[in-house]
Amino acid sequence: MAKPSTSSNAIWWIKNPKAEHEKKLKGLRKNSLGSAFCLDMRDLLKNISLQGYNKLLSPDLTFGERSCKIVLIRRVGFDFYKNIFQTRLIWLLLHTVTAVSLVVVLSLTWEQFVAQSFVTNLKDPLYPVENVPFPAVSICTNNRISRKAAIKYAEELQLSSPITRPVEYYLERLNYLREFYVHVGAVIDSEDFVSFQTFLDVFGTWQNETFFDTRRIMKMLTPSCQDYVLKCTLANVDVPCQSAFQETLTMYGPCCTFNTENKLKKRNFKNRLASPELGLTVVLNSSHSDYFSPILNTNGYIVLIHNADDYATVSSSNTLEMFPGQGEDTYLQIYARVVDTDDSLKSFSPFGRRCYFEYEMQISAHEQATNASGYVYTFPNCITRCRIRSIIALCRCLPFQFPLQLVENLDGVVYCTLSHLPCINQYMFKWRNVMTERHLIQGLEREIEEALYCPQCLPSCNDVQYRVSMSSLPIDNYLASLKLDENNQTQFSEDISVLRVYFGDPNAQYYIRLLNNAWFEIFSTIGNIMSIFVGFCMVAIFEILFFFTKYIYQGCNRIVEQNIIDRNAKKLEEKKLYICP
């Protein structure tokens, strides 16, 4: 008796026995996807546009060669197939070495493209100089302490002191203050500094001051701009010196600065300032009658050329320092170079392109809150800001020469006094040597470790760089050009110096930073290399893409068909027909 659970295999139960039999035979003869891939890969290597890949296959055998195969095997044994195998091996090794060499050369080429991705080219050698901002000019006297102001302050200290001492005693002690500007090198006992500073902390402060205000005292002792700058001429037109020059802080303390607010950034053709007569002309007082504490061993004064938005200090770069002589007619010729950056580089990171665009130089809300006035980001200001941070961290004070706009946090910050000088002199080497990148150089390991490290500081992508050339003439020529009054006297005495600042060329050089290699240059270079090694062409790309696309499509189609068969089989399993007796 048949079991009810068994299904029938009787011939009468098959709907179309012949078709079912053919279907089974066809399924047995059906090639797998792997074998079809190998056959098509063979055809691809035989017919591909690349050179030499058809050599990897054995020679095609004709009908006559097939009929003689047995005879060849009997006569030469396996030599025939051995030669074919050796030929294939040689071509396989050749293509392997070629492929490895191609990968190595392409990698080196790509590294070169990445390393030299940016280039600076000369865009316009005749850029109009009237479109270039005129730099700020800071004039500092070599005598940093006025004798009149020192005597007046010494008398005030004499009156406030409980011990009666002559004025000369305090004048001798006030000469210590020049150590704030430069370390002269004289061996002075630090105890003298501390004792005199202790006296100033008690008797040299005002009633509303908690600490000794070094900046107020040094500004009071510095020669005023009104006494030093006598006459100002701009574009052959007399201008009031009080409005043209303002007292600002520099690396040499308070100095007389022209164009502090960058008022001469936009000018016209008539106001190019490109000649000695049409530039800036300043008459300075060169008398030594008020000398008390010169800081440089030179008979002259100091001129700093810098951008109007920068704090004037040589150690932060982009500031040019000149030393004209006293009693001379000095000519300072300025040559500008404008550096711009193409907008296509905005897609790169600032540290990748090594510069900041204007929208990337905005300071944070915290920095805005901690600054009373605006802070303009420039590379020199960033370096100065980094230096101030280090000075406050190491010596717990702020030198009076630095502006408060560059201080991140003013809470608890005091101005450096004479008691802080040993600490400042100890780290002076560190603050004068700044690094934005560290590269290990043999023999300079100590200097690298001791230098100030400011990796966050990058230059501006749109910047102006200046170069200065100085020449001088005797002052007699200028004195001879002055008009005589009714008493046959000139406006100035012989104790004057003349400074002329102007653009030495009516044109500036305009540079632009852009991508070194465009996409089509990279594409052509890589195409040439691949053509040399493997005979690469565009037709081969489409052949390879068509080949792999075909089998990707067939593989996906096989998966879909197999899923459909599995679902149908599952449904058929659920609906089996049982034959009952």
Protein backbone atom coordinates (compact mmCIF):
# COMPACT_ATOMS: atom_id res chain seq x y z
CA MET A 1 0.00 0.00 0.00
CA ALA A 2 1.46 3.38 -1.06
CA LYS A 3 2.03 6.01 1.52
CA PRO A 4 -0.19 9.09 1.14
CA SER A 5 2.75 11.39 1.72
CA THR A 6 4.64 10.19 -1.31
CA SER A 7 4.07 11.95 -4.63
CA SER A 8 3.79 10.13 -7.91
CA ASN A 9 6.49 9.92 -10.55
CA ALA A 10 4.34 8.16 -13.09
CA ILE A 11 4.74 9.10 -16.75
CA TRP A 12 1.09 9.99 -17.00
CA TRP A 13 1.52 12.61 -14.29
CA ILE A 14 4.13 14.61 -16.28
CA LYS A 15 2.40 17.17 -18.42
CA ASN A 16 5.02 17.21 -21.25
CA PRO A 17 7.56 14.39 -20.75
CA LYS A 18 9.64 15.23 -23.82
CA ALA A 19 9.98 18.91 -23.00
CA GLU A 20 10.86 18.10 -19.42
CA HIS A 21 13.57 15.70 -20.56
CA GLU A 22 15.07 18.31 -22.90
CA LYS A 23 14.99 20.83 -20.10
CA LYS A 24 16.97 18.52 -17.86
CA LEU A 25 19.55 17.87 -20.57
CA LYS A 26 19.84 21.60 -21.25
CA GLY A 27 20.41 22.27 -17.57
CA LEU A 28 23.18 19.71 -17.53
CA ARG A 29 24.88 21.28 -20.53
CA LYS A 30 24.49 24.84 -19.24
CA ASN A 31 27.82 26.47 -18.47
CA SER A 32 28.43 28.09 -15.09
CA LEU A 33 29.08 31.84 -14.74
CA GLY A 34 32.73 31.24 -13.87
CA SER A 35 33.42 29.19 -16.97
CA ALA A 36 31.65 31.76 -19.15
CA PHE A 37 33.75 34.50 -17.51
CA CYS A 38 36.98 32.62 -18.32
CA LEU A 39 35.95 32.15 -21.96
CA ASP A 40 34.99 35.79 -22.39
CA MET A 41 38.17 36.86 -20.60
CA ARG A 42 40.08 34.84 -23.16
CA ASP A 43 38.29 36.63 -25.98
CA LEU A 44 38.96 39.99 -24.31
CA LEU A 45 42.69 39.34 -24.05
CA LYS A 46 42.81 38.18 -27.67
CA ASN A 47 40.95 41.20 -29.06
CA ILE A 48 41.70 44.05 -26.62
CA SER A 49 43.25 47.25 -27.97
CA LEU A 50 46.17 47.05 -25.53
CA GLN A 51 49.38 45.71 -26.96
CA GLY A 52 50.85 42.29 -26.13
CA TYR A 53 48.05 40.78 -24.04
CA ASN A 54 47.06 38.29 -26.78
CA LYS A 55 50.52 36.71 -26.33
CA LEU A 56 49.38 35.34 -22.99
CA LEU A 57 47.19 32.78 -24.86
CA SER A 58 48.41 29.75 -26.77
CA PRO A 59 48.45 29.90 -30.58
CA ASP A 60 45.19 28.96 -32.26
CA LEU A 61 45.23 25.42 -33.71
CA THR A 62 43.74 24.88 -37.17
CA PHE A 63 41.99 21.68 -38.34
CA GLY A 64 45.20 20.38 -39.90
CA GLU A 65 47.12 21.03 -36.72
CA ARG A 66 44.50 19.14 -34.69
CA SER A 67 44.81 16.12 -36.99
CA CYS A 68 48.55 16.13 -36.49
CA LYS A 69 48.41 16.63 -32.74
CA ILE A 70 48.87 12.94 -31.94
CA VAL A 71 51.82 12.68 -34.34
CA LEU A 72 53.47 15.70 -32.76
CA ILE A 73 53.01 14.31 -29.30
CA ARG A 74 54.55 11.01 -30.35
CA ARG A 75 57.54 12.66 -32.08
CA VAL A 76 58.41 15.51 -29.76
CA GLY A 77 56.66 14.35 -26.61
CA PHE A 78 55.94 17.33 -24.37
CA ASP A 79 58.41 19.72 -26.02
CA PHE A 80 55.64 21.37 -28.03
CA TYR A 81 53.53 22.22 -24.98
CA LYS A 82 56.66 23.01 -23.02
CA ASN A 83 57.62 25.71 -25.52
CA ILE A 84 54.08 27.11 -25.39
CA PHE A 85 54.25 27.24 -21.58
CA GLN A 86 57.65 28.97 -21.63
CA THR A 87 56.36 31.58 -24.10
CA ARG A 88 53.33 32.27 -21.91
CA LEU A 89 55.54 32.57 -18.82
CA ILE A 90 57.86 35.09 -20.49
CA TRP A 91 54.93 37.27 -21.57
CA LEU A 92 53.32 36.96 -18.12
CA LEU A 93 56.53 38.11 -16.40
CA LEU A 94 56.87 40.96 -18.88
CA HIS A 95 53.33 42.21 -18.24
CA THR A 96 53.78 41.83 -14.48
CA VAL A 97 56.96 43.91 -14.46
CA THR A 98 55.30 46.49 -16.71
CA ALA A 99 52.26 46.73 -14.42
CA VAL A 100 54.40 47.12 -11.29
CA SER A 101 56.58 49.77 -12.98
CA LEU A 102 53.45 51.59 -14.12
CA VAL A 103 52.06 51.70 -10.58
CA VAL A 104 55.37 52.96 -9.16
CA VAL A 105 55.78 55.70 -11.78
CA LEU A 106 52.16 56.83 -11.38
CA SER A 107 52.50 57.02 -7.60
CA LEU A 108 55.68 59.11 -7.86
CA THR A 109 54.04 61.36 -10.43
CA TRP A 110 51.01 61.85 -8.21
CA GLU A 111 53.19 62.70 -5.20
CA GLN A 112 54.95 65.31 -7.30
CA PHE A 113 51.61 66.79 -8.34
CA VAL A 114 50.48 66.94 -4.71
CA ALA A 115 53.76 68.42 -3.47
CA GLN A 116 53.76 71.10 -6.18
CA SER A 117 50.04 71.73 -6.30
CA PHE A 118 50.44 75.52 -5.97
CA VAL A 119 52.60 77.94 -7.90
CA THR A 120 53.07 81.71 -7.83
CA ASN A 121 53.23 83.34 -11.25
CA LEU A 122 53.82 86.91 -12.34
CA LYS A 123 50.46 88.13 -13.59
CA ASP A 124 51.10 91.83 -14.25
CA PRO A 125 54.60 93.39 -14.12
CA LEU A 126 53.13 96.88 -14.72
CA TYR A 127 50.48 96.98 -12.00
CA PRO A 128 49.64 100.68 -11.26
CA VAL A 129 51.22 101.78 -8.03
CA GLU A 130 48.23 103.98 -7.17
CA ASN A 131 46.31 100.75 -6.50
CA VAL A 132 48.89 99.68 -3.91
CA PRO A 133 48.35 100.78 -0.28
CA PHE A 134 50.97 103.19 0.96
CA PRO A 135 52.77 101.70 3.98
CA ALA A 136 52.84 103.13 7.45
CA VAL A 137 56.02 105.04 8.36
CA SER A 138 57.08 104.99 12.01
CA ILE A 139 59.85 107.38 13.02
CA CYS A 140 61.58 106.70 16.34
CA THR A 141 64.29 108.79 17.94
CA ASN A 142 67.47 107.10 19.07
CA ASN A 143 67.07 109.02 22.31
CA ARG A 144 64.21 107.16 24.01
CA ILE A 145 64.14 109.33 27.17
CA SER A 146 63.91 113.09 27.01
CA ARG A 147 66.23 114.97 29.33
CA LYS A 148 63.60 117.60 30.14
CA ALA A 149 61.01 114.95 30.95
CA ALA A 150 63.54 112.96 33.00
CA ILE A 151 64.52 116.00 35.09
CA LYS A 152 60.86 116.84 35.71
CA TYR A 153 60.05 113.30 36.79
CA ALA A 154 63.18 113.12 38.97
CA GLU A 155 62.04 116.26 40.78
CA GLU A 156 58.66 114.66 41.42
CA LEU A 157 60.35 111.58 42.87
CA GLN A 158 62.57 113.80 45.02
CA LEU A 159 59.56 115.54 46.50
CA SER A 160 57.67 112.31 47.18
CA SER A 161 60.67 110.51 48.69
CA PRO A 162 60.93 110.51 52.49
CA ILE A 163 64.73 110.55 52.21
CA THR A 164 66.43 113.67 50.97
CA ARG A 165 68.53 112.91 47.92
CA PRO A 166 69.82 115.11 45.06
CA VAL A 167 68.10 115.10 41.68
CA GLU A 168 71.16 113.53 40.08
CA TYR A 169 70.56 110.38 42.15
CA TYR A 170 67.15 109.86 40.58
CA LEU A 171 68.41 110.77 37.12
CA GLU A 172 71.01 108.05 37.41
CA ARG A 173 68.33 105.55 38.42
CA LEU A 174 65.98 106.63 35.63
CA ASN A 175 68.66 105.65 33.15
CA TYR A 176 67.85 102.02 34.10
CA LEU A 177 64.59 102.35 32.20
CA ARG A 178 66.31 102.13 28.84
CA GLU A 179 66.79 98.43 29.55
CA PHE A 180 63.13 98.03 28.59
CA TYR A 181 64.08 98.74 24.97
CA VAL A 182 67.30 96.85 24.49
CA HIS A 183 69.70 94.86 26.59
CA VAL A 184 72.75 97.10 26.32
CA GLY A 185 75.11 94.48 27.71
CA ALA A 186 76.44 96.45 30.65
CA VAL A 187 76.78 94.42 33.82
CA ILE A 188 74.33 95.96 36.27
CA ASP A 189 73.44 94.41 39.57
CA SER A 190 69.85 93.23 39.48
CA GLU A 191 69.52 94.23 43.14
CA ASP A 192 69.74 97.87 42.03
CA PHE A 193 66.82 97.26 39.68
CA VAL A 194 64.77 95.62 42.41
CA SER A 195 65.50 98.30 45.01
CA PHE A 196 64.69 101.17 42.65
CA GLN A 197 61.55 99.39 41.44
CA THR A 198 60.47 98.92 45.05
CA PHE A 199 60.81 102.67 45.51
CA LEU A 200 58.78 103.32 42.33
CA ASP A 201 56.04 100.92 43.42
CA VAL A 202 55.50 103.02 46.52
CA PHE A 203 56.34 106.59 45.52
CA GLY A 204 56.06 106.46 41.71
CA THR A 205 52.40 105.49 41.42
CA TRP A 206 49.33 107.69 41.35
CA GLN A 207 46.61 107.37 43.92
CA ASN A 208 44.23 105.55 41.56
CA GLU A 209 46.88 103.01 40.45
CA THR A 210 47.18 99.59 42.06
CA PHE A 211 50.49 98.75 40.35
CA PHE A 212 53.29 100.79 38.86
CA ASP A 213 52.12 101.86 35.38
CA THR A 214 55.23 101.39 33.25
CA ARG A 215 53.48 102.46 30.04
CA ARG A 216 52.34 105.79 31.48
CA ILE A 217 55.81 106.59 32.75
CA MET A 218 57.59 105.62 29.53
CA LYS A 219 55.16 107.64 27.41
CA MET A 220 55.76 110.60 29.67
CA LEU A 221 59.55 110.27 29.32
CA THR A 222 59.59 109.70 25.54
CA PRO A 223 60.27 112.78 23.35
CA SER A 224 56.98 114.07 21.94
CA CYS A 225 56.18 114.07 18.24
CA GLN A 226 55.48 117.81 18.33
CA ASP A 227 59.05 118.54 19.37
CA TYR A 228 60.59 116.02 16.95
CA VAL A 229 58.53 116.29 13.73
CA LEU A 230 58.79 119.87 12.52
CA LYS A 231 57.27 119.95 9.03
CA CYS A 232 55.28 117.50 6.85
CA THR A 233 54.64 117.58 3.12
CA LEU A 234 52.58 115.07 1.16
CA ALA A 235 52.38 115.21 -2.65
CA ASN A 236 54.10 118.63 -2.54
CA VAL A 237 51.34 120.00 -0.27
CA ASP A 238 51.97 121.02 3.33
CA VAL A 239 49.90 119.03 5.83
CA PRO A 240 49.61 119.54 9.61
CA CYS A 241 52.00 117.17 11.35
CA GLN A 242 49.73 116.70 14.36
CA SER A 243 47.07 115.05 12.22
CA ALA A 244 49.48 113.33 9.83
CA PHE A 245 51.63 111.75 12.57
CA GLN A 246 50.23 110.02 15.61
CA GLU A 247 51.96 108.49 18.58
CA THR A 248 51.73 104.69 18.38
CA LEU A 249 53.46 101.76 20.04
CA THR A 250 56.26 99.96 18.22
CA MET A 251 59.09 97.65 19.19
CA TYR A 252 60.96 100.81 20.27
CA GLY A 253 58.08 102.06 22.39
CA PRO A 254 56.06 105.20 21.51
CA CYS A 255 56.99 106.50 18.04
CA CYS A 256 55.57 108.96 15.50
CA THR A 257 53.65 107.02 12.85
CA PHE A 258 52.30 108.24 9.52
CA ASN A 259 49.25 106.61 7.86
CA THR A 260 48.13 104.75 10.97
CA GLU A 261 44.54 104.28 9.78
CA ASN A 262 45.57 103.34 6.25
CA LYS A 263 44.01 106.47 4.81
CA LEU A 264 46.22 106.29 1.72
CA LYS A 265 45.02 102.82 0.71
CA LYS A 266 42.94 104.17 -2.17
CA ARG A 267 44.48 106.90 -4.28
CA ASN A 268 44.21 108.25 -7.81
CA PHE A 269 46.73 108.70 -10.62
CA LYS A 270 47.65 112.21 -9.50
CA ASN A 271 48.38 110.96 -5.98
CA ARG A 272 50.69 108.09 -6.86
CA LEU A 273 53.45 109.20 -4.45
CA ALA A 274 55.97 107.85 -6.96
CA SER A 275 58.65 110.55 -6.87
CA PRO A 276 60.67 112.42 -4.19
CA GLU A 277 58.75 115.63 -4.80
CA LEU A 278 55.32 113.95 -4.78
CA GLY A 279 55.94 111.59 -1.86
CA LEU A 280 56.12 112.10 1.89
CA THR A 281 58.68 114.67 3.07
CA VAL A 282 59.34 115.11 6.77
CA VAL A 283 61.65 117.62 8.48
CA LEU A 284 62.98 116.26 11.79
CA ASN A 285 64.73 117.85 14.74
CA SER A 286 68.24 116.40 14.95
CA SER A 287 69.48 118.43 17.90
CA HIS A 288 71.23 116.52 20.69
CA SER A 289 70.42 119.04 23.40
CA ASP A 290 67.62 116.85 24.79
CA TYR A 291 69.54 113.57 24.66
CA PHE A 292 69.45 111.56 27.86
CA SER A 293 69.38 107.83 27.06
CA PRO A 294 70.19 106.72 23.48
CA ILE A 295 69.69 103.01 22.89
CA LEU A 296 71.70 102.45 19.68
CA ASN A 297 75.37 103.15 19.07
CA THR A 298 74.65 105.26 16.01
CA ASN A 299 74.31 108.91 15.13
CA GLY A 300 70.89 108.74 13.58
CA TYR A 301 67.27 107.81 14.05
CA ILE A 302 65.09 104.78 13.29
CA VAL A 303 62.49 104.39 10.54
CA LEU A 304 60.12 101.41 10.40
CA ILE A 305 58.24 100.66 7.17
CA HIS A 306 55.28 98.32 7.68
CA ASN A 307 51.67 97.71 6.76
CA ALA A 308 49.22 100.08 8.39
CA ASP A 309 47.38 97.24 10.16
CA ASP A 310 50.54 95.62 11.55
CA TYR A 311 52.23 96.14 14.86
CA ALA A 312 55.67 97.46 13.95
CA THR A 313 58.27 94.92 15.04
CA VAL A 314 61.06 93.38 13.02
CA SER A 315 60.93 90.04 14.81
CA SER A 316 57.39 89.41 13.51
CA SER A 317 58.48 89.87 9.85
CA ASN A 318 57.16 92.19 7.16
CA THR A 319 58.61 95.26 8.93
CA LEU A 320 61.61 96.99 7.37
CA GLU A 321 64.05 98.80 9.66
CA MET A 322 66.26 101.63 8.39
CA PHE A 323 68.78 103.86 10.19
CA PRO A 324 69.15 107.24 8.42
CA GLY A 325 71.88 109.57 9.65
CA GLN A 326 71.39 112.82 11.53
CA GLY A 327 71.77 116.00 9.52
CA GLU A 328 71.18 114.30 6.15
CA ASP A 329 68.60 114.44 3.39
CA THR A 330 67.54 110.78 3.22
CA TYR A 331 65.60 109.16 0.38
CA LEU A 332 63.66 105.96 1.08
CA GLN A 333 62.48 104.34 -2.14
CA ILE A 334 59.71 101.77 -1.64
CA TYR A 335 59.13 98.94 -4.09
CA ALA A 336 55.89 97.01 -3.69
CA ARG A 337 54.96 93.48 -4.64
CA VAL A 338 51.30 92.47 -4.58
CA VAL A 339 50.54 88.79 -3.94
CA ASP A 340 47.01 87.56 -4.70
CA THR A 341 45.43 84.10 -4.62
CA ASP A 342 43.04 82.60 -7.14
CA ASP A 343 39.55 81.76 -5.88
CA SER A 344 39.96 78.16 -7.04
CA LEU A 345 42.20 77.55 -4.03
CA LYS A 346 39.34 78.19 -1.61
CA SER A 347 38.44 74.50 -1.85
CA PHE A 348 41.73 73.65 -0.09
CA SER A 349 42.23 73.97 3.65
CA PRO A 350 44.19 77.01 4.92
CA PHE A 351 47.04 74.80 6.12
CA GLY A 352 47.06 73.04 2.73
CA ARG A 353 47.42 76.25 0.73
CA ARG A 354 49.47 77.93 3.52
CA CYS A 355 47.45 81.14 3.70
CA TYR A 356 44.19 82.62 4.98
CA PHE A 357 41.49 84.27 2.92
CA GLU A 358 39.74 87.30 4.36
CA TYR A 359 36.65 85.38 5.46
CA GLU A 360 38.85 82.83 7.26
CA MET A 361 40.66 85.49 9.31
CA GLN A 362 37.66 86.39 11.47
CA ILE A 363 38.43 86.07 15.15
CA SER A 364 36.18 84.25 17.55
CA ALA A 365 33.50 85.85 19.70
CA HIS A 366 35.66 85.29 22.79
CA GLU A 367 38.55 87.23 21.26
CA GLN A 368 36.19 90.03 20.24
CA ALA A 369 34.90 90.28 23.78
CA THR A 370 38.38 90.43 25.30
CA ASN A 371 39.57 93.27 23.02
CA ALA A 372 38.44 96.81 23.64
CA SER A 373 39.08 97.85 20.04
CA GLY A 374 39.17 95.90 16.82
CA TYR A 375 41.84 93.32 16.11
CA VAL A 376 42.90 92.97 12.49
CA TYR A 377 44.39 89.60 11.64
CA THR A 378 47.69 89.71 9.83
CA PHE A 379 50.63 87.34 9.93
CA PRO A 380 52.84 89.77 11.95
CA ASN A 381 49.99 90.43 14.40
CA CYS A 382 49.47 86.71 14.86
CA ILE A 383 53.17 86.21 15.60
CA THR A 384 53.10 89.12 18.06
CA ARG A 385 50.00 87.67 19.69
CA CYS A 386 51.77 84.32 20.07
CA ARG A 387 54.82 86.06 21.55
CA ILE A 388 52.67 87.99 24.06
CA ARG A 389 51.04 84.74 25.16
CA SER A 390 54.48 83.23 25.84
CA ILE A 391 55.76 86.30 27.72
CA ILE A 392 52.74 86.38 30.02
CA ALA A 393 53.03 82.64 30.65
CA LEU A 394 56.77 82.71 31.45
CA CYS A 395 57.29 86.10 33.13
CA ARG A 396 53.77 86.95 34.36
CA CYS A 397 53.84 90.43 32.85
CA LEU A 398 53.30 92.37 29.63
CA PRO A 399 56.00 94.64 28.17
CA PHE A 400 54.63 98.16 27.79
CA GLN A 401 55.61 98.27 24.08
CA PHE A 402 52.91 95.77 23.07
CA PRO A 403 49.37 96.97 22.29
CA LEU A 404 46.50 95.73 24.42
CA GLN A 405 44.49 94.79 21.31
CA LEU A 406 46.74 91.76 20.84
CA VAL A 407 46.33 90.46 24.40
CA GLU A 408 43.85 87.60 24.62
CA ASN A 409 42.98 88.00 28.29
CA LEU A 410 43.69 91.13 30.34
CA ASP A 411 42.64 89.68 33.70
CA GLY A 412 45.49 89.94 36.18
CA VAL A 413 47.99 91.21 33.59
CA VAL A 414 50.48 93.87 34.78
CA TYR A 415 53.12 95.78 32.86
CA CYS A 416 56.67 94.53 33.17
CA THR A 417 58.82 96.48 35.58
CA LEU A 418 62.53 96.54 36.38
CA SER A 419 62.11 93.50 38.61
CA HIS A 420 60.94 91.46 35.57
CA LEU A 421 64.01 92.28 33.47
CA PRO A 422 66.05 89.18 34.50
CA CYS A 423 63.22 86.94 33.34
CA ILE A 424 62.78 88.86 30.08
CA ASN A 425 66.49 88.73 29.28
CA GLN A 426 66.53 85.00 30.02
CA TYR A 427 63.93 84.18 27.32
CA MET A 428 64.86 86.91 24.84
CA PHE A 429 66.38 84.39 22.40
CA LYS A 430 63.17 82.36 22.39
CA TRP A 431 60.95 85.35 21.61
CA ARG A 432 63.17 86.70 18.86
CA ASN A 433 63.25 83.38 16.97
CA VAL A 434 59.86 82.25 15.75
CA MET A 435 58.91 79.11 13.85
CA THR A 436 55.61 78.21 12.21
CA GLU A 437 56.86 74.80 11.04
CA ARG A 438 59.34 72.42 12.59
CA HIS A 439 61.82 70.55 10.41
CA LEU A 440 64.61 68.56 11.99
CA ILE A 441 67.91 70.04 10.79
CA GLN A 442 71.12 68.44 11.91
CA GLY A 443 73.09 70.77 14.16
CA LEU A 444 70.12 73.04 14.96
CA GLU A 445 68.24 70.77 17.36
CA ARG A 446 68.71 73.12 20.31
CA GLU A 447 67.64 76.20 18.37
CA ILE A 448 64.49 74.42 17.18
CA GLU A 449 63.53 73.47 20.72
CA GLU A 450 64.27 76.92 22.16
CA ALA A 451 62.49 78.92 19.44
CA LEU A 452 58.92 80.17 19.79
CA TYR A 453 56.54 77.81 17.98
CA CYS A 454 53.39 79.38 16.44
CA PRO A 455 51.85 76.84 14.01
CA GLN A 456 48.48 78.61 13.89
CA CYS A 457 49.92 81.70 12.17
CA LEU A 458 49.62 81.79 8.39
CA PRO A 459 50.08 84.73 6.00
CA SER A 460 47.19 86.37 4.22
CA CYS A 461 46.27 85.10 0.77
CA ASN A 462 45.98 88.71 -0.42
CA ASP A 463 49.03 90.57 0.80
CA VAL A 464 51.39 93.42 -0.10
CA GLN A 465 55.12 93.10 0.49
CA TYR A 466 57.54 96.02 0.47
CA ARG A 467 61.20 96.44 -0.27
CA VAL A 468 63.17 99.59 0.61
CA SER A 469 66.26 101.19 -0.85
CA MET A 470 67.95 104.08 1.01
CA SER A 471 70.23 106.84 -0.21
CA SER A 472 71.23 110.16 1.32
CA LEU A 473 72.58 113.58 0.40
CA PRO A 474 74.06 116.39 2.51
CA ILE A 475 71.49 118.62 4.15
CA ASP A 476 73.04 121.69 2.49
CA ASN A 477 71.02 121.19 -0.68
CA TYR A 478 67.75 121.30 1.24
CA LEU A 479 68.83 124.30 3.31
CA ALA A 480 69.73 126.15 0.13
CA SER A 481 66.21 125.59 -1.22
CA LEU A 482 64.53 127.24 1.79
CA LYS A 483 63.18 130.73 1.46
CA LEU A 484 64.71 133.58 3.47
CA ASP A 485 62.65 135.83 5.70
CA GLU A 486 63.02 139.55 6.26
CA ASN A 487 65.96 139.00 8.62
CA ASN A 488 67.75 136.86 6.06
CA GLN A 489 67.06 133.75 8.11
CA THR A 490 65.60 130.41 7.08
CA GLN A 491 62.67 128.67 8.71
CA PHE A 492 64.88 125.98 10.32
CA SER A 493 68.33 125.85 11.78
CA GLU A 494 71.09 123.52 10.67
CA ASP A 495 70.16 120.90 13.30
CA ILE A 496 67.58 119.20 11.14
CA SER A 497 67.22 116.02 9.13
CA VAL A 498 65.01 115.46 6.10
CA LEU A 499 63.30 112.18 5.30
CA ARG A 500 61.63 111.50 1.94
CA VAL A 501 59.51 108.38 1.56
CA TYR A 502 58.01 107.54 -1.83
CA PHE A 503 57.46 104.74 -4.33
CA GLY A 504 60.61 104.19 -6.35
CA ASP A 505 58.69 102.88 -9.39
CA PRO A 506 55.32 103.99 -10.83
CA ASN A 507 54.46 100.32 -11.32
CA ALA A 508 54.39 97.33 -8.98
CA GLN A 509 54.72 93.62 -9.63
CA TYR A 510 51.48 91.69 -9.30
CA TYR A 511 51.79 87.98 -8.48
CA ILE A 512 49.02 85.43 -8.23
CA ARG A 513 49.04 82.06 -6.48
CA LEU A 514 47.14 79.34 -8.35
CA LEU A 515 47.03 75.63 -9.05
CA ASN A 516 50.21 74.33 -10.61
CA ASN A 517 48.52 71.57 -12.60
CA ALA A 518 44.96 71.70 -13.88
CA TRP A 519 42.87 68.56 -14.30
CA PHE A 520 43.58 68.31 -18.03
CA GLU A 521 47.34 68.57 -17.41
CA ILE A 522 47.21 65.75 -14.89
CA PHE A 523 45.02 63.71 -17.26
CA SER A 524 47.39 64.18 -20.18
CA THR A 525 50.47 63.33 -18.10
CA ILE A 526 48.94 60.14 -16.72
CA GLY A 527 47.70 59.20 -20.20
CA ASN A 528 51.17 59.63 -21.68
CA ILE A 529 52.76 57.47 -18.99
CA MET A 530 50.18 54.70 -19.44
CA SER A 531 50.60 54.84 -23.22
CA ILE A 532 54.34 54.32 -22.84
CA PHE A 533 54.00 51.30 -20.55
CA VAL A 534 50.85 49.49 -21.73
CA GLY A 535 49.79 51.24 -24.93
CA PHE A 536 46.82 52.72 -23.10
CA CYS A 537 43.99 54.33 -25.10
CA MET A 538 40.39 55.39 -24.54
CA VAL A 539 39.06 52.44 -26.58
CA ALA A 540 40.57 50.02 -24.07
CA ILE A 541 38.69 51.75 -21.26
CA PHE A 542 35.34 51.19 -22.97
CA GLU A 543 36.27 47.58 -23.76
CA ILE A 544 37.14 46.82 -20.16
CA LEU A 545 34.13 48.70 -18.82
CA PHE A 546 31.81 46.86 -21.22
CA PHE A 547 33.31 43.51 -20.20
CA PHE A 548 32.91 44.03 -16.46
CA THR A 549 29.54 45.76 -16.82
CA LYS A 550 28.27 42.77 -18.77
CA TYR A 551 29.21 40.29 -16.05
CA ILE A 552 27.99 42.53 -13.27
CA TYR A 553 24.63 42.63 -15.05
CA GLN A 554 24.65 38.86 -15.63
CA GLY A 555 25.55 38.20 -12.01
CA CYS A 556 22.74 40.40 -10.77
CA ASN A 557 20.34 38.76 -13.23
CA ARG A 558 21.39 35.28 -12.01
CA ILE A 559 20.73 36.33 -8.43
CA VAL A 560 17.27 37.62 -9.34
CA GLU A 561 16.41 34.44 -11.28
CA GLN A 562 17.63 32.24 -8.44
CA ASN A 563 15.48 34.16 -5.98
CA ILE A 564 12.44 33.67 -8.23
CA ILE A 565 13.16 29.91 -8.55
CA ASP A 566 13.56 29.60 -4.80
CA ARG A 567 10.28 31.35 -4.15
CA ASN A 568 8.43 29.18 -6.70
CA ALA A 569 9.96 26.04 -5.23
CA LYS A 570 8.84 27.10 -1.79
CA LYS A 571 5.32 27.68 -3.03
CA LEU A 572 5.32 24.31 -4.83
CA GLU A 573 6.52 22.61 -1.67
CA GLU A 574 3.56 24.02 0.16
CA LYS A 575 1.11 22.78 -2.51
CA LYS A 576 2.23 19.15 -3.06
CA LEU A 577 -0.24 16.78 -4.63
CA TYR A 578 -0.75 13.57 -2.73
CA ILE A 579 -2.10 10.39 -4.50
CA CYS A 580 -4.41 8.43 -2.34
CA PRO A 581 -5.21 4.71 -3.09
